[in-house]
Amino acid sequence: MATMSNIDLPRTFLLGHRKVNRLGYGAMQLAGPGVFGPPRDKEAAIGVLREAVARGINHIDTSDFYGPHITNQLIRDALHPYPKDLVIVTKVRAKRGSTGTVHPAMSRYDLTRAVHDNLRNLGLDVLEVVNLRSMFRDDAPSEGSIEDPLTVLAELQAQGLIRHIGLSNVTPAQVAEGRRICRIVCVQNLYNLTDRSDDALVETLAREGIPYVAYFPLGGIRLVRSPKLSEVARRLNASPMQIAIAWLLHRSPNLLPIPGTSSLTHLRENIAAGTLELPESAFEMLSRNELAG
């Protein structure tokens, strides 16, 4: 794997036509338990959003099926009218059942309604980036054509409701298919230090200048008991989770992690990770998957 020193890594990357700070914020956890219903403390959730933006985060990931509707309404209540540099990225192709279950929503009607729901609940006239989430499997990318739903989004883009289109939970083949249909400005998949199935896709997109947005960036780190990871964290006076974020930012200049939290303390820890200088030796050791020893 090619590596580079931290001083060569950009702090920003182009998402659509806007430069964003590479460390973003995933708003999913602001809804209630199971990403369903309202938060236990609405004012605390609003405080996290305002703190994130005040500390320089200008890329927020969300969706109207978080809640549903709750997270987008919190973003609007906390931040509208939005700062000029703030990029809000949402996603469509899923809906929630009455008990919180997640179901595919793939028809033209479902997708059109989802775009209008996002516009209304965010208080926007146009959505900056809409990610089409593949729903052949909810828990992992799975092959299948995305042509029909992506064509619907491209039509809504032509109507001026969407500025840019991205993909989420997709395979490399689906990325290639999507790029034949319309311009794809980002790919959002699960990627972290303990789940690097998309290593090749990260590098392919980097060569094309397309951001790879890593959701669940802390992933299994919370479950790992790794002496080596803990040692790196101790040497840098950081937590293992902060090292996991720093590793992602070091891994490739097109990687945009979006750690989410409903805690101000954790938010501040995550943001601090964005300034960590990860030594090359530590980066290479962690990259060799030597977490267990």
Protein backbone atom coordinates (compact mmCIF):
# COMPACT_ATOMS: atom_id res chain seq x y z
CA MET A 1 0.00 0.00 0.00
CA ALA A 2 1.34 3.41 -0.94
CA THR A 3 1.62 5.78 1.98
CA MET A 4 2.42 9.42 2.46
CA SER A 5 3.45 11.60 5.35
CA ASN A 6 0.75 13.46 7.26
CA ILE A 7 2.09 16.84 6.18
CA ASP A 8 1.30 15.94 2.57
CA LEU A 9 -2.33 15.03 3.28
CA PRO A 10 -4.94 17.67 2.48
CA ARG A 11 -7.27 18.78 5.27
CA THR A 12 -10.03 19.35 2.72
CA PHE A 13 -11.40 17.51 -0.30
CA LEU A 14 -13.82 18.38 -3.08
CA LEU A 15 -17.33 17.01 -2.55
CA GLY A 16 -19.42 17.92 -5.56
CA HIS A 17 -18.26 21.46 -6.29
CA ARG A 18 -17.63 22.39 -2.65
CA LYS A 19 -14.50 21.91 -0.55
CA VAL A 20 -15.27 20.26 2.78
CA ASN A 21 -13.13 19.46 5.77
CA ARG A 22 -12.28 15.78 5.49
CA LEU A 23 -13.59 14.99 8.97
CA GLY A 24 -17.37 15.22 8.81
CA TYR A 25 -20.26 14.34 11.10
CA GLY A 26 -22.84 11.56 10.78
CA ALA A 27 -26.16 12.66 12.28
CA MET A 28 -27.84 9.25 12.50
CA GLN A 29 -27.35 8.85 16.26
CA LEU A 30 -29.26 12.04 17.03
CA ALA A 31 -32.58 10.22 16.68
CA GLY A 32 -33.96 7.97 19.41
CA PRO A 33 -32.82 4.42 20.22
CA GLY A 34 -32.50 2.30 17.11
CA VAL A 35 -32.50 5.50 15.04
CA PHE A 36 -36.25 5.64 15.63
CA GLY A 37 -38.35 8.32 17.26
CA PRO A 38 -37.19 11.50 18.99
CA PRO A 39 -34.03 11.83 21.06
CA ARG A 40 -34.24 11.65 24.84
CA ASP A 41 -32.94 15.22 25.02
CA LYS A 42 -33.73 17.42 22.03
CA GLU A 43 -31.75 20.39 23.30
CA ALA A 44 -28.67 18.22 23.80
CA ALA A 45 -28.97 16.98 20.20
CA ILE A 46 -29.27 20.53 18.94
CA GLY A 47 -26.23 21.46 21.03
CA VAL A 48 -24.13 18.73 19.40
CA LEU A 49 -25.02 19.97 15.91
CA ARG A 50 -24.20 23.56 16.75
CA GLU A 51 -20.92 22.59 18.40
CA ALA A 52 -19.93 20.50 15.39
CA VAL A 53 -20.40 23.42 13.01
CA ALA A 54 -18.81 25.90 15.42
CA ARG A 55 -15.69 23.68 15.52
CA GLY A 56 -15.29 23.62 11.77
CA ILE A 57 -17.27 20.62 10.56
CA ASN A 58 -18.93 21.59 7.28
CA HIS A 59 -20.05 18.17 6.00
CA ILE A 60 -23.07 16.61 7.72
CA ASP A 61 -24.50 13.27 6.64
CA THR A 62 -28.17 12.58 7.27
CA SER A 63 -31.34 11.02 5.85
CA ASP A 64 -35.04 11.60 6.26
CA PHE A 65 -35.51 7.94 7.21
CA TYR A 66 -33.53 8.62 10.40
CA GLY A 67 -36.32 8.95 12.91
CA PRO A 68 -38.03 9.06 10.41
CA HIS A 69 -37.90 12.82 9.78
CA ILE A 70 -36.50 13.51 13.25
CA THR A 71 -32.83 13.99 12.40
CA ASN A 72 -33.49 16.33 9.50
CA GLN A 73 -35.85 18.38 11.63
CA LEU A 74 -33.18 18.65 14.33
CA ILE A 75 -30.64 19.83 11.76
CA ARG A 76 -33.06 22.47 10.53
CA ASP A 77 -33.94 23.62 14.06
CA ALA A 78 -30.27 23.80 15.07
CA LEU A 79 -28.64 25.29 12.00
CA HIS A 80 -31.14 26.97 9.65
CA PRO A 81 -30.43 29.37 8.00
CA TYR A 82 -27.40 27.29 7.13
CA PRO A 83 -23.81 28.57 6.96
CA LYS A 84 -22.75 29.14 3.36
CA ASP A 85 -19.97 26.54 3.55
CA LEU A 86 -22.12 23.77 5.08
CA VAL A 87 -22.70 20.74 2.85
CA ILE A 88 -25.61 18.54 3.93
CA VAL A 89 -25.60 15.12 2.29
CA THR A 90 -28.71 12.96 2.52
CA LYS A 91 -29.68 9.52 1.23
CA VAL A 92 -32.78 7.82 -0.17
CA ARG A 93 -34.10 4.36 -1.07
CA ALA A 94 -35.24 3.19 2.38
CA LYS A 95 -38.23 3.81 4.62
CA ARG A 96 -39.19 2.94 8.19
CA GLY A 97 -42.03 0.73 9.36
CA SER A 98 -44.27 1.63 12.27
CA THR A 99 -42.04 -0.31 14.67
CA GLY A 100 -38.76 1.05 13.30
CA THR A 101 -38.03 -1.68 10.77
CA VAL A 102 -36.17 -0.65 7.61
CA HIS A 103 -37.67 -1.48 4.21
CA PRO A 104 -36.53 -0.83 0.64
CA ALA A 105 -38.26 2.12 -1.03
CA MET A 106 -37.23 1.76 -4.65
CA SER A 107 -40.17 2.88 -6.78
CA ARG A 108 -40.33 6.17 -8.66
CA TYR A 109 -43.02 7.32 -6.24
CA ASP A 110 -40.95 6.36 -3.17
CA LEU A 111 -37.81 8.10 -4.43
CA THR A 112 -39.63 11.26 -5.49
CA ARG A 113 -41.44 11.45 -2.19
CA ALA A 114 -38.18 10.90 -0.28
CA VAL A 115 -36.50 13.80 -2.09
CA HIS A 116 -39.43 16.09 -1.30
CA ASP A 117 -39.49 14.91 2.33
CA ASN A 118 -35.80 15.73 2.68
CA LEU A 119 -36.31 19.16 1.12
CA ARG A 120 -39.22 19.98 3.41
CA ASN A 121 -37.73 18.72 6.66
CA LEU A 122 -34.33 20.30 6.02
CA GLY A 123 -35.91 23.56 4.89
CA LEU A 124 -34.10 23.58 1.54
CA ASP A 125 -35.04 24.40 -2.06
CA VAL A 126 -32.36 22.08 -3.47
CA LEU A 127 -30.48 19.16 -1.92
CA GLU A 128 -26.70 19.54 -2.24
CA VAL A 129 -25.92 15.81 -2.48
CA VAL A 130 -28.32 12.87 -2.50
CA ASN A 131 -26.86 9.39 -2.10
CA LEU A 132 -28.76 6.49 -3.59
CA ARG A 133 -28.48 3.69 -1.05
CA SER A 134 -28.43 0.21 -2.55
CA MET A 135 -30.94 -1.96 -0.69
CA PHE A 136 -30.42 -5.43 -2.15
CA ARG A 137 -29.04 -6.11 1.34
CA ASP A 138 -29.31 -3.61 4.17
CA ASP A 139 -26.26 -4.80 6.08
CA ALA A 140 -23.71 -4.96 3.25
CA PRO A 141 -23.28 -4.18 -0.46
CA SER A 142 -24.83 -6.79 -2.74
CA GLU A 143 -24.89 -7.03 -6.52
CA GLY A 144 -27.88 -5.87 -8.55
CA SER A 145 -28.63 -3.17 -11.08
CA ILE A 146 -29.18 0.35 -9.76
CA GLU A 147 -30.07 1.79 -13.17
CA ASP A 148 -33.80 2.35 -12.58
CA PRO A 149 -33.63 4.22 -9.25
CA LEU A 150 -30.53 6.15 -10.28
CA THR A 151 -32.29 7.28 -13.45
CA VAL A 152 -35.13 8.66 -11.31
CA LEU A 153 -32.64 10.66 -9.24
CA ALA A 154 -30.98 11.95 -12.42
CA GLU A 155 -34.39 13.18 -13.61
CA LEU A 156 -35.00 14.94 -10.28
CA GLN A 157 -31.54 16.46 -10.63
CA ALA A 158 -32.51 17.78 -14.08
CA GLN A 159 -35.58 19.36 -12.45
CA GLY A 160 -33.29 21.31 -10.12
CA LEU A 161 -34.21 19.48 -6.89
CA ILE A 162 -30.80 17.80 -6.50
CA ARG A 163 -27.42 19.38 -7.19
CA HIS A 164 -25.22 16.27 -7.01
CA ILE A 165 -25.70 12.50 -6.79
CA GLY A 166 -23.71 9.92 -4.84
CA LEU A 167 -23.98 6.21 -4.01
CA SER A 168 -24.12 4.32 -0.72
CA ASN A 169 -23.78 0.66 0.31
CA VAL A 170 -22.59 -0.28 -3.18
CA THR A 171 -20.22 -2.68 -4.89
CA PRO A 172 -17.48 -1.63 -7.34
CA ALA A 173 -19.66 -2.94 -10.20
CA GLN A 174 -22.53 -0.72 -9.07
CA VAL A 175 -20.18 2.27 -8.88
CA ALA A 176 -19.13 1.61 -12.47
CA GLU A 177 -22.76 1.23 -13.55
CA GLY A 178 -23.71 4.43 -11.77
CA ARG A 179 -20.94 6.42 -13.42
CA ARG A 180 -22.27 5.37 -16.85
CA ILE A 181 -25.66 6.88 -15.96
CA CYS A 182 -24.69 10.17 -14.33
CA ARG A 183 -21.87 11.95 -12.57
CA ILE A 184 -21.21 10.32 -9.18
CA VAL A 185 -19.61 12.76 -6.73
CA CYS A 186 -19.07 10.40 -3.78
CA VAL A 187 -19.35 6.81 -2.59
CA GLN A 188 -20.42 6.17 0.99
CA ASN A 189 -19.67 2.70 2.33
CA LEU A 190 -18.70 1.03 5.58
CA TYR A 191 -14.95 1.25 6.05
CA ASN A 192 -12.75 1.32 9.13
CA LEU A 193 -9.54 -0.05 10.58
CA THR A 194 -11.07 -3.47 11.26
CA ASP A 195 -13.20 -3.77 8.09
CA ARG A 196 -11.20 -2.88 5.01
CA SER A 197 -13.09 -4.85 2.38
CA ASP A 198 -13.16 -1.74 0.18
CA ASP A 199 -9.39 -1.14 0.09
CA ALA A 200 -9.28 -1.49 -3.70
CA LEU A 201 -12.34 0.71 -4.20
CA VAL A 202 -10.84 3.45 -2.02
CA GLU A 203 -7.75 3.49 -4.24
CA THR A 204 -9.74 3.38 -7.50
CA LEU A 205 -11.84 6.36 -6.43
CA ALA A 206 -8.75 8.24 -5.23
CA ARG A 207 -7.27 8.00 -8.72
CA GLU A 208 -10.50 9.49 -10.10
CA GLY A 209 -10.65 12.27 -7.51
CA ILE A 210 -13.91 10.93 -6.04
CA PRO A 211 -14.37 11.06 -2.26
CA TYR A 212 -14.96 7.83 -0.35
CA VAL A 213 -17.13 8.69 2.66
CA ALA A 214 -16.48 6.15 5.42
CA TYR A 215 -19.52 5.51 7.58
CA PHE A 216 -19.26 3.51 10.81
CA PRO A 217 -15.61 4.64 10.88
CA LEU A 218 -15.04 3.41 14.43
CA GLY A 219 -16.72 0.10 13.66
CA GLY A 220 -15.23 -2.86 15.46
CA ILE A 221 -12.64 -0.65 17.17
CA ARG A 222 -14.99 -0.45 20.12
CA LEU A 223 -14.81 -4.24 20.38
CA VAL A 224 -11.11 -4.76 19.71
CA ARG A 225 -8.79 -5.46 22.63
CA SER A 226 -5.54 -4.67 20.89
CA PRO A 227 -2.31 -4.13 22.81
CA LYS A 228 -0.72 -2.58 19.71
CA LEU A 229 -3.58 -0.18 19.11
CA SER A 230 -3.58 0.74 22.80
CA GLU A 231 0.18 1.29 22.72
CA VAL A 232 -0.10 3.68 19.77
CA ALA A 233 -2.87 5.52 21.60
CA ARG A 234 -0.77 5.81 24.78
CA ARG A 235 2.25 7.10 22.85
CA LEU A 236 0.16 9.81 21.22
CA ASN A 237 -1.86 10.59 24.34
CA ALA A 238 -5.04 9.66 22.51
CA SER A 239 -7.83 7.09 22.68
CA PRO A 240 -7.98 4.01 20.41
CA MET A 241 -11.02 5.56 18.71
CA GLN A 242 -9.06 8.72 17.96
CA ILE A 243 -6.28 6.62 16.46
CA ALA A 244 -8.86 4.86 14.29
CA ILE A 245 -10.01 8.23 12.90
CA ALA A 246 -6.43 9.43 12.43
CA TRP A 247 -5.63 6.21 10.54
CA LEU A 248 -8.51 6.84 8.13
CA LEU A 249 -7.39 10.41 7.49
CA HIS A 250 -3.85 9.14 6.84
CA ARG A 251 -4.96 6.20 4.70
CA SER A 252 -5.91 8.17 1.57
CA PRO A 253 -6.56 11.83 0.76
CA ASN A 254 -10.05 11.04 -0.60
CA LEU A 255 -11.23 9.34 2.63
CA LEU A 256 -13.87 11.38 4.45
CA PRO A 257 -14.83 9.77 7.78
CA ILE A 258 -18.19 10.75 9.26
CA PRO A 259 -18.14 9.57 12.90
CA GLY A 260 -21.45 10.15 14.61
CA THR A 261 -22.34 10.75 18.23
CA SER A 262 -25.03 12.31 20.39
CA SER A 263 -22.46 13.23 23.05
CA LEU A 264 -20.63 16.55 23.19
CA THR A 265 -17.68 14.85 24.90
CA HIS A 266 -17.33 12.26 22.14
CA LEU A 267 -17.82 14.90 19.46
CA ARG A 268 -14.91 16.91 20.85
CA GLU A 269 -12.74 13.79 21.04
CA ASN A 270 -13.54 12.93 17.42
CA ILE A 271 -12.73 16.44 16.22
CA ALA A 272 -9.45 16.40 18.14
CA ALA A 273 -8.52 13.22 16.26
CA GLY A 274 -8.49 15.27 13.08
CA THR A 275 -5.33 17.06 14.23
CA LEU A 276 -3.39 13.96 15.33
CA GLU A 277 -0.10 13.35 13.54
CA LEU A 278 0.08 9.59 13.11
CA PRO A 279 3.72 8.42 12.78
CA GLU A 280 4.43 6.49 9.61
CA SER A 281 5.62 3.46 11.57
CA ALA A 282 2.34 3.34 13.52
CA PHE A 283 0.29 3.79 10.35
CA GLU A 284 2.13 0.97 8.59
CA MET A 285 1.86 -1.38 11.57
CA LEU A 286 -1.89 -0.79 11.91
CA SER A 287 -2.31 -1.12 8.14
CA ARG A 288 -0.83 -4.61 8.28
CA ASN A 289 -3.79 -5.66 10.44
CA GLU A 290 -1.50 -6.32 13.39
CA LEU A 291 -4.16 -5.36 15.93
CA ALA A 292 -4.32 -8.61 17.83
CA GLY A 293 -0.69 -9.04 18.80
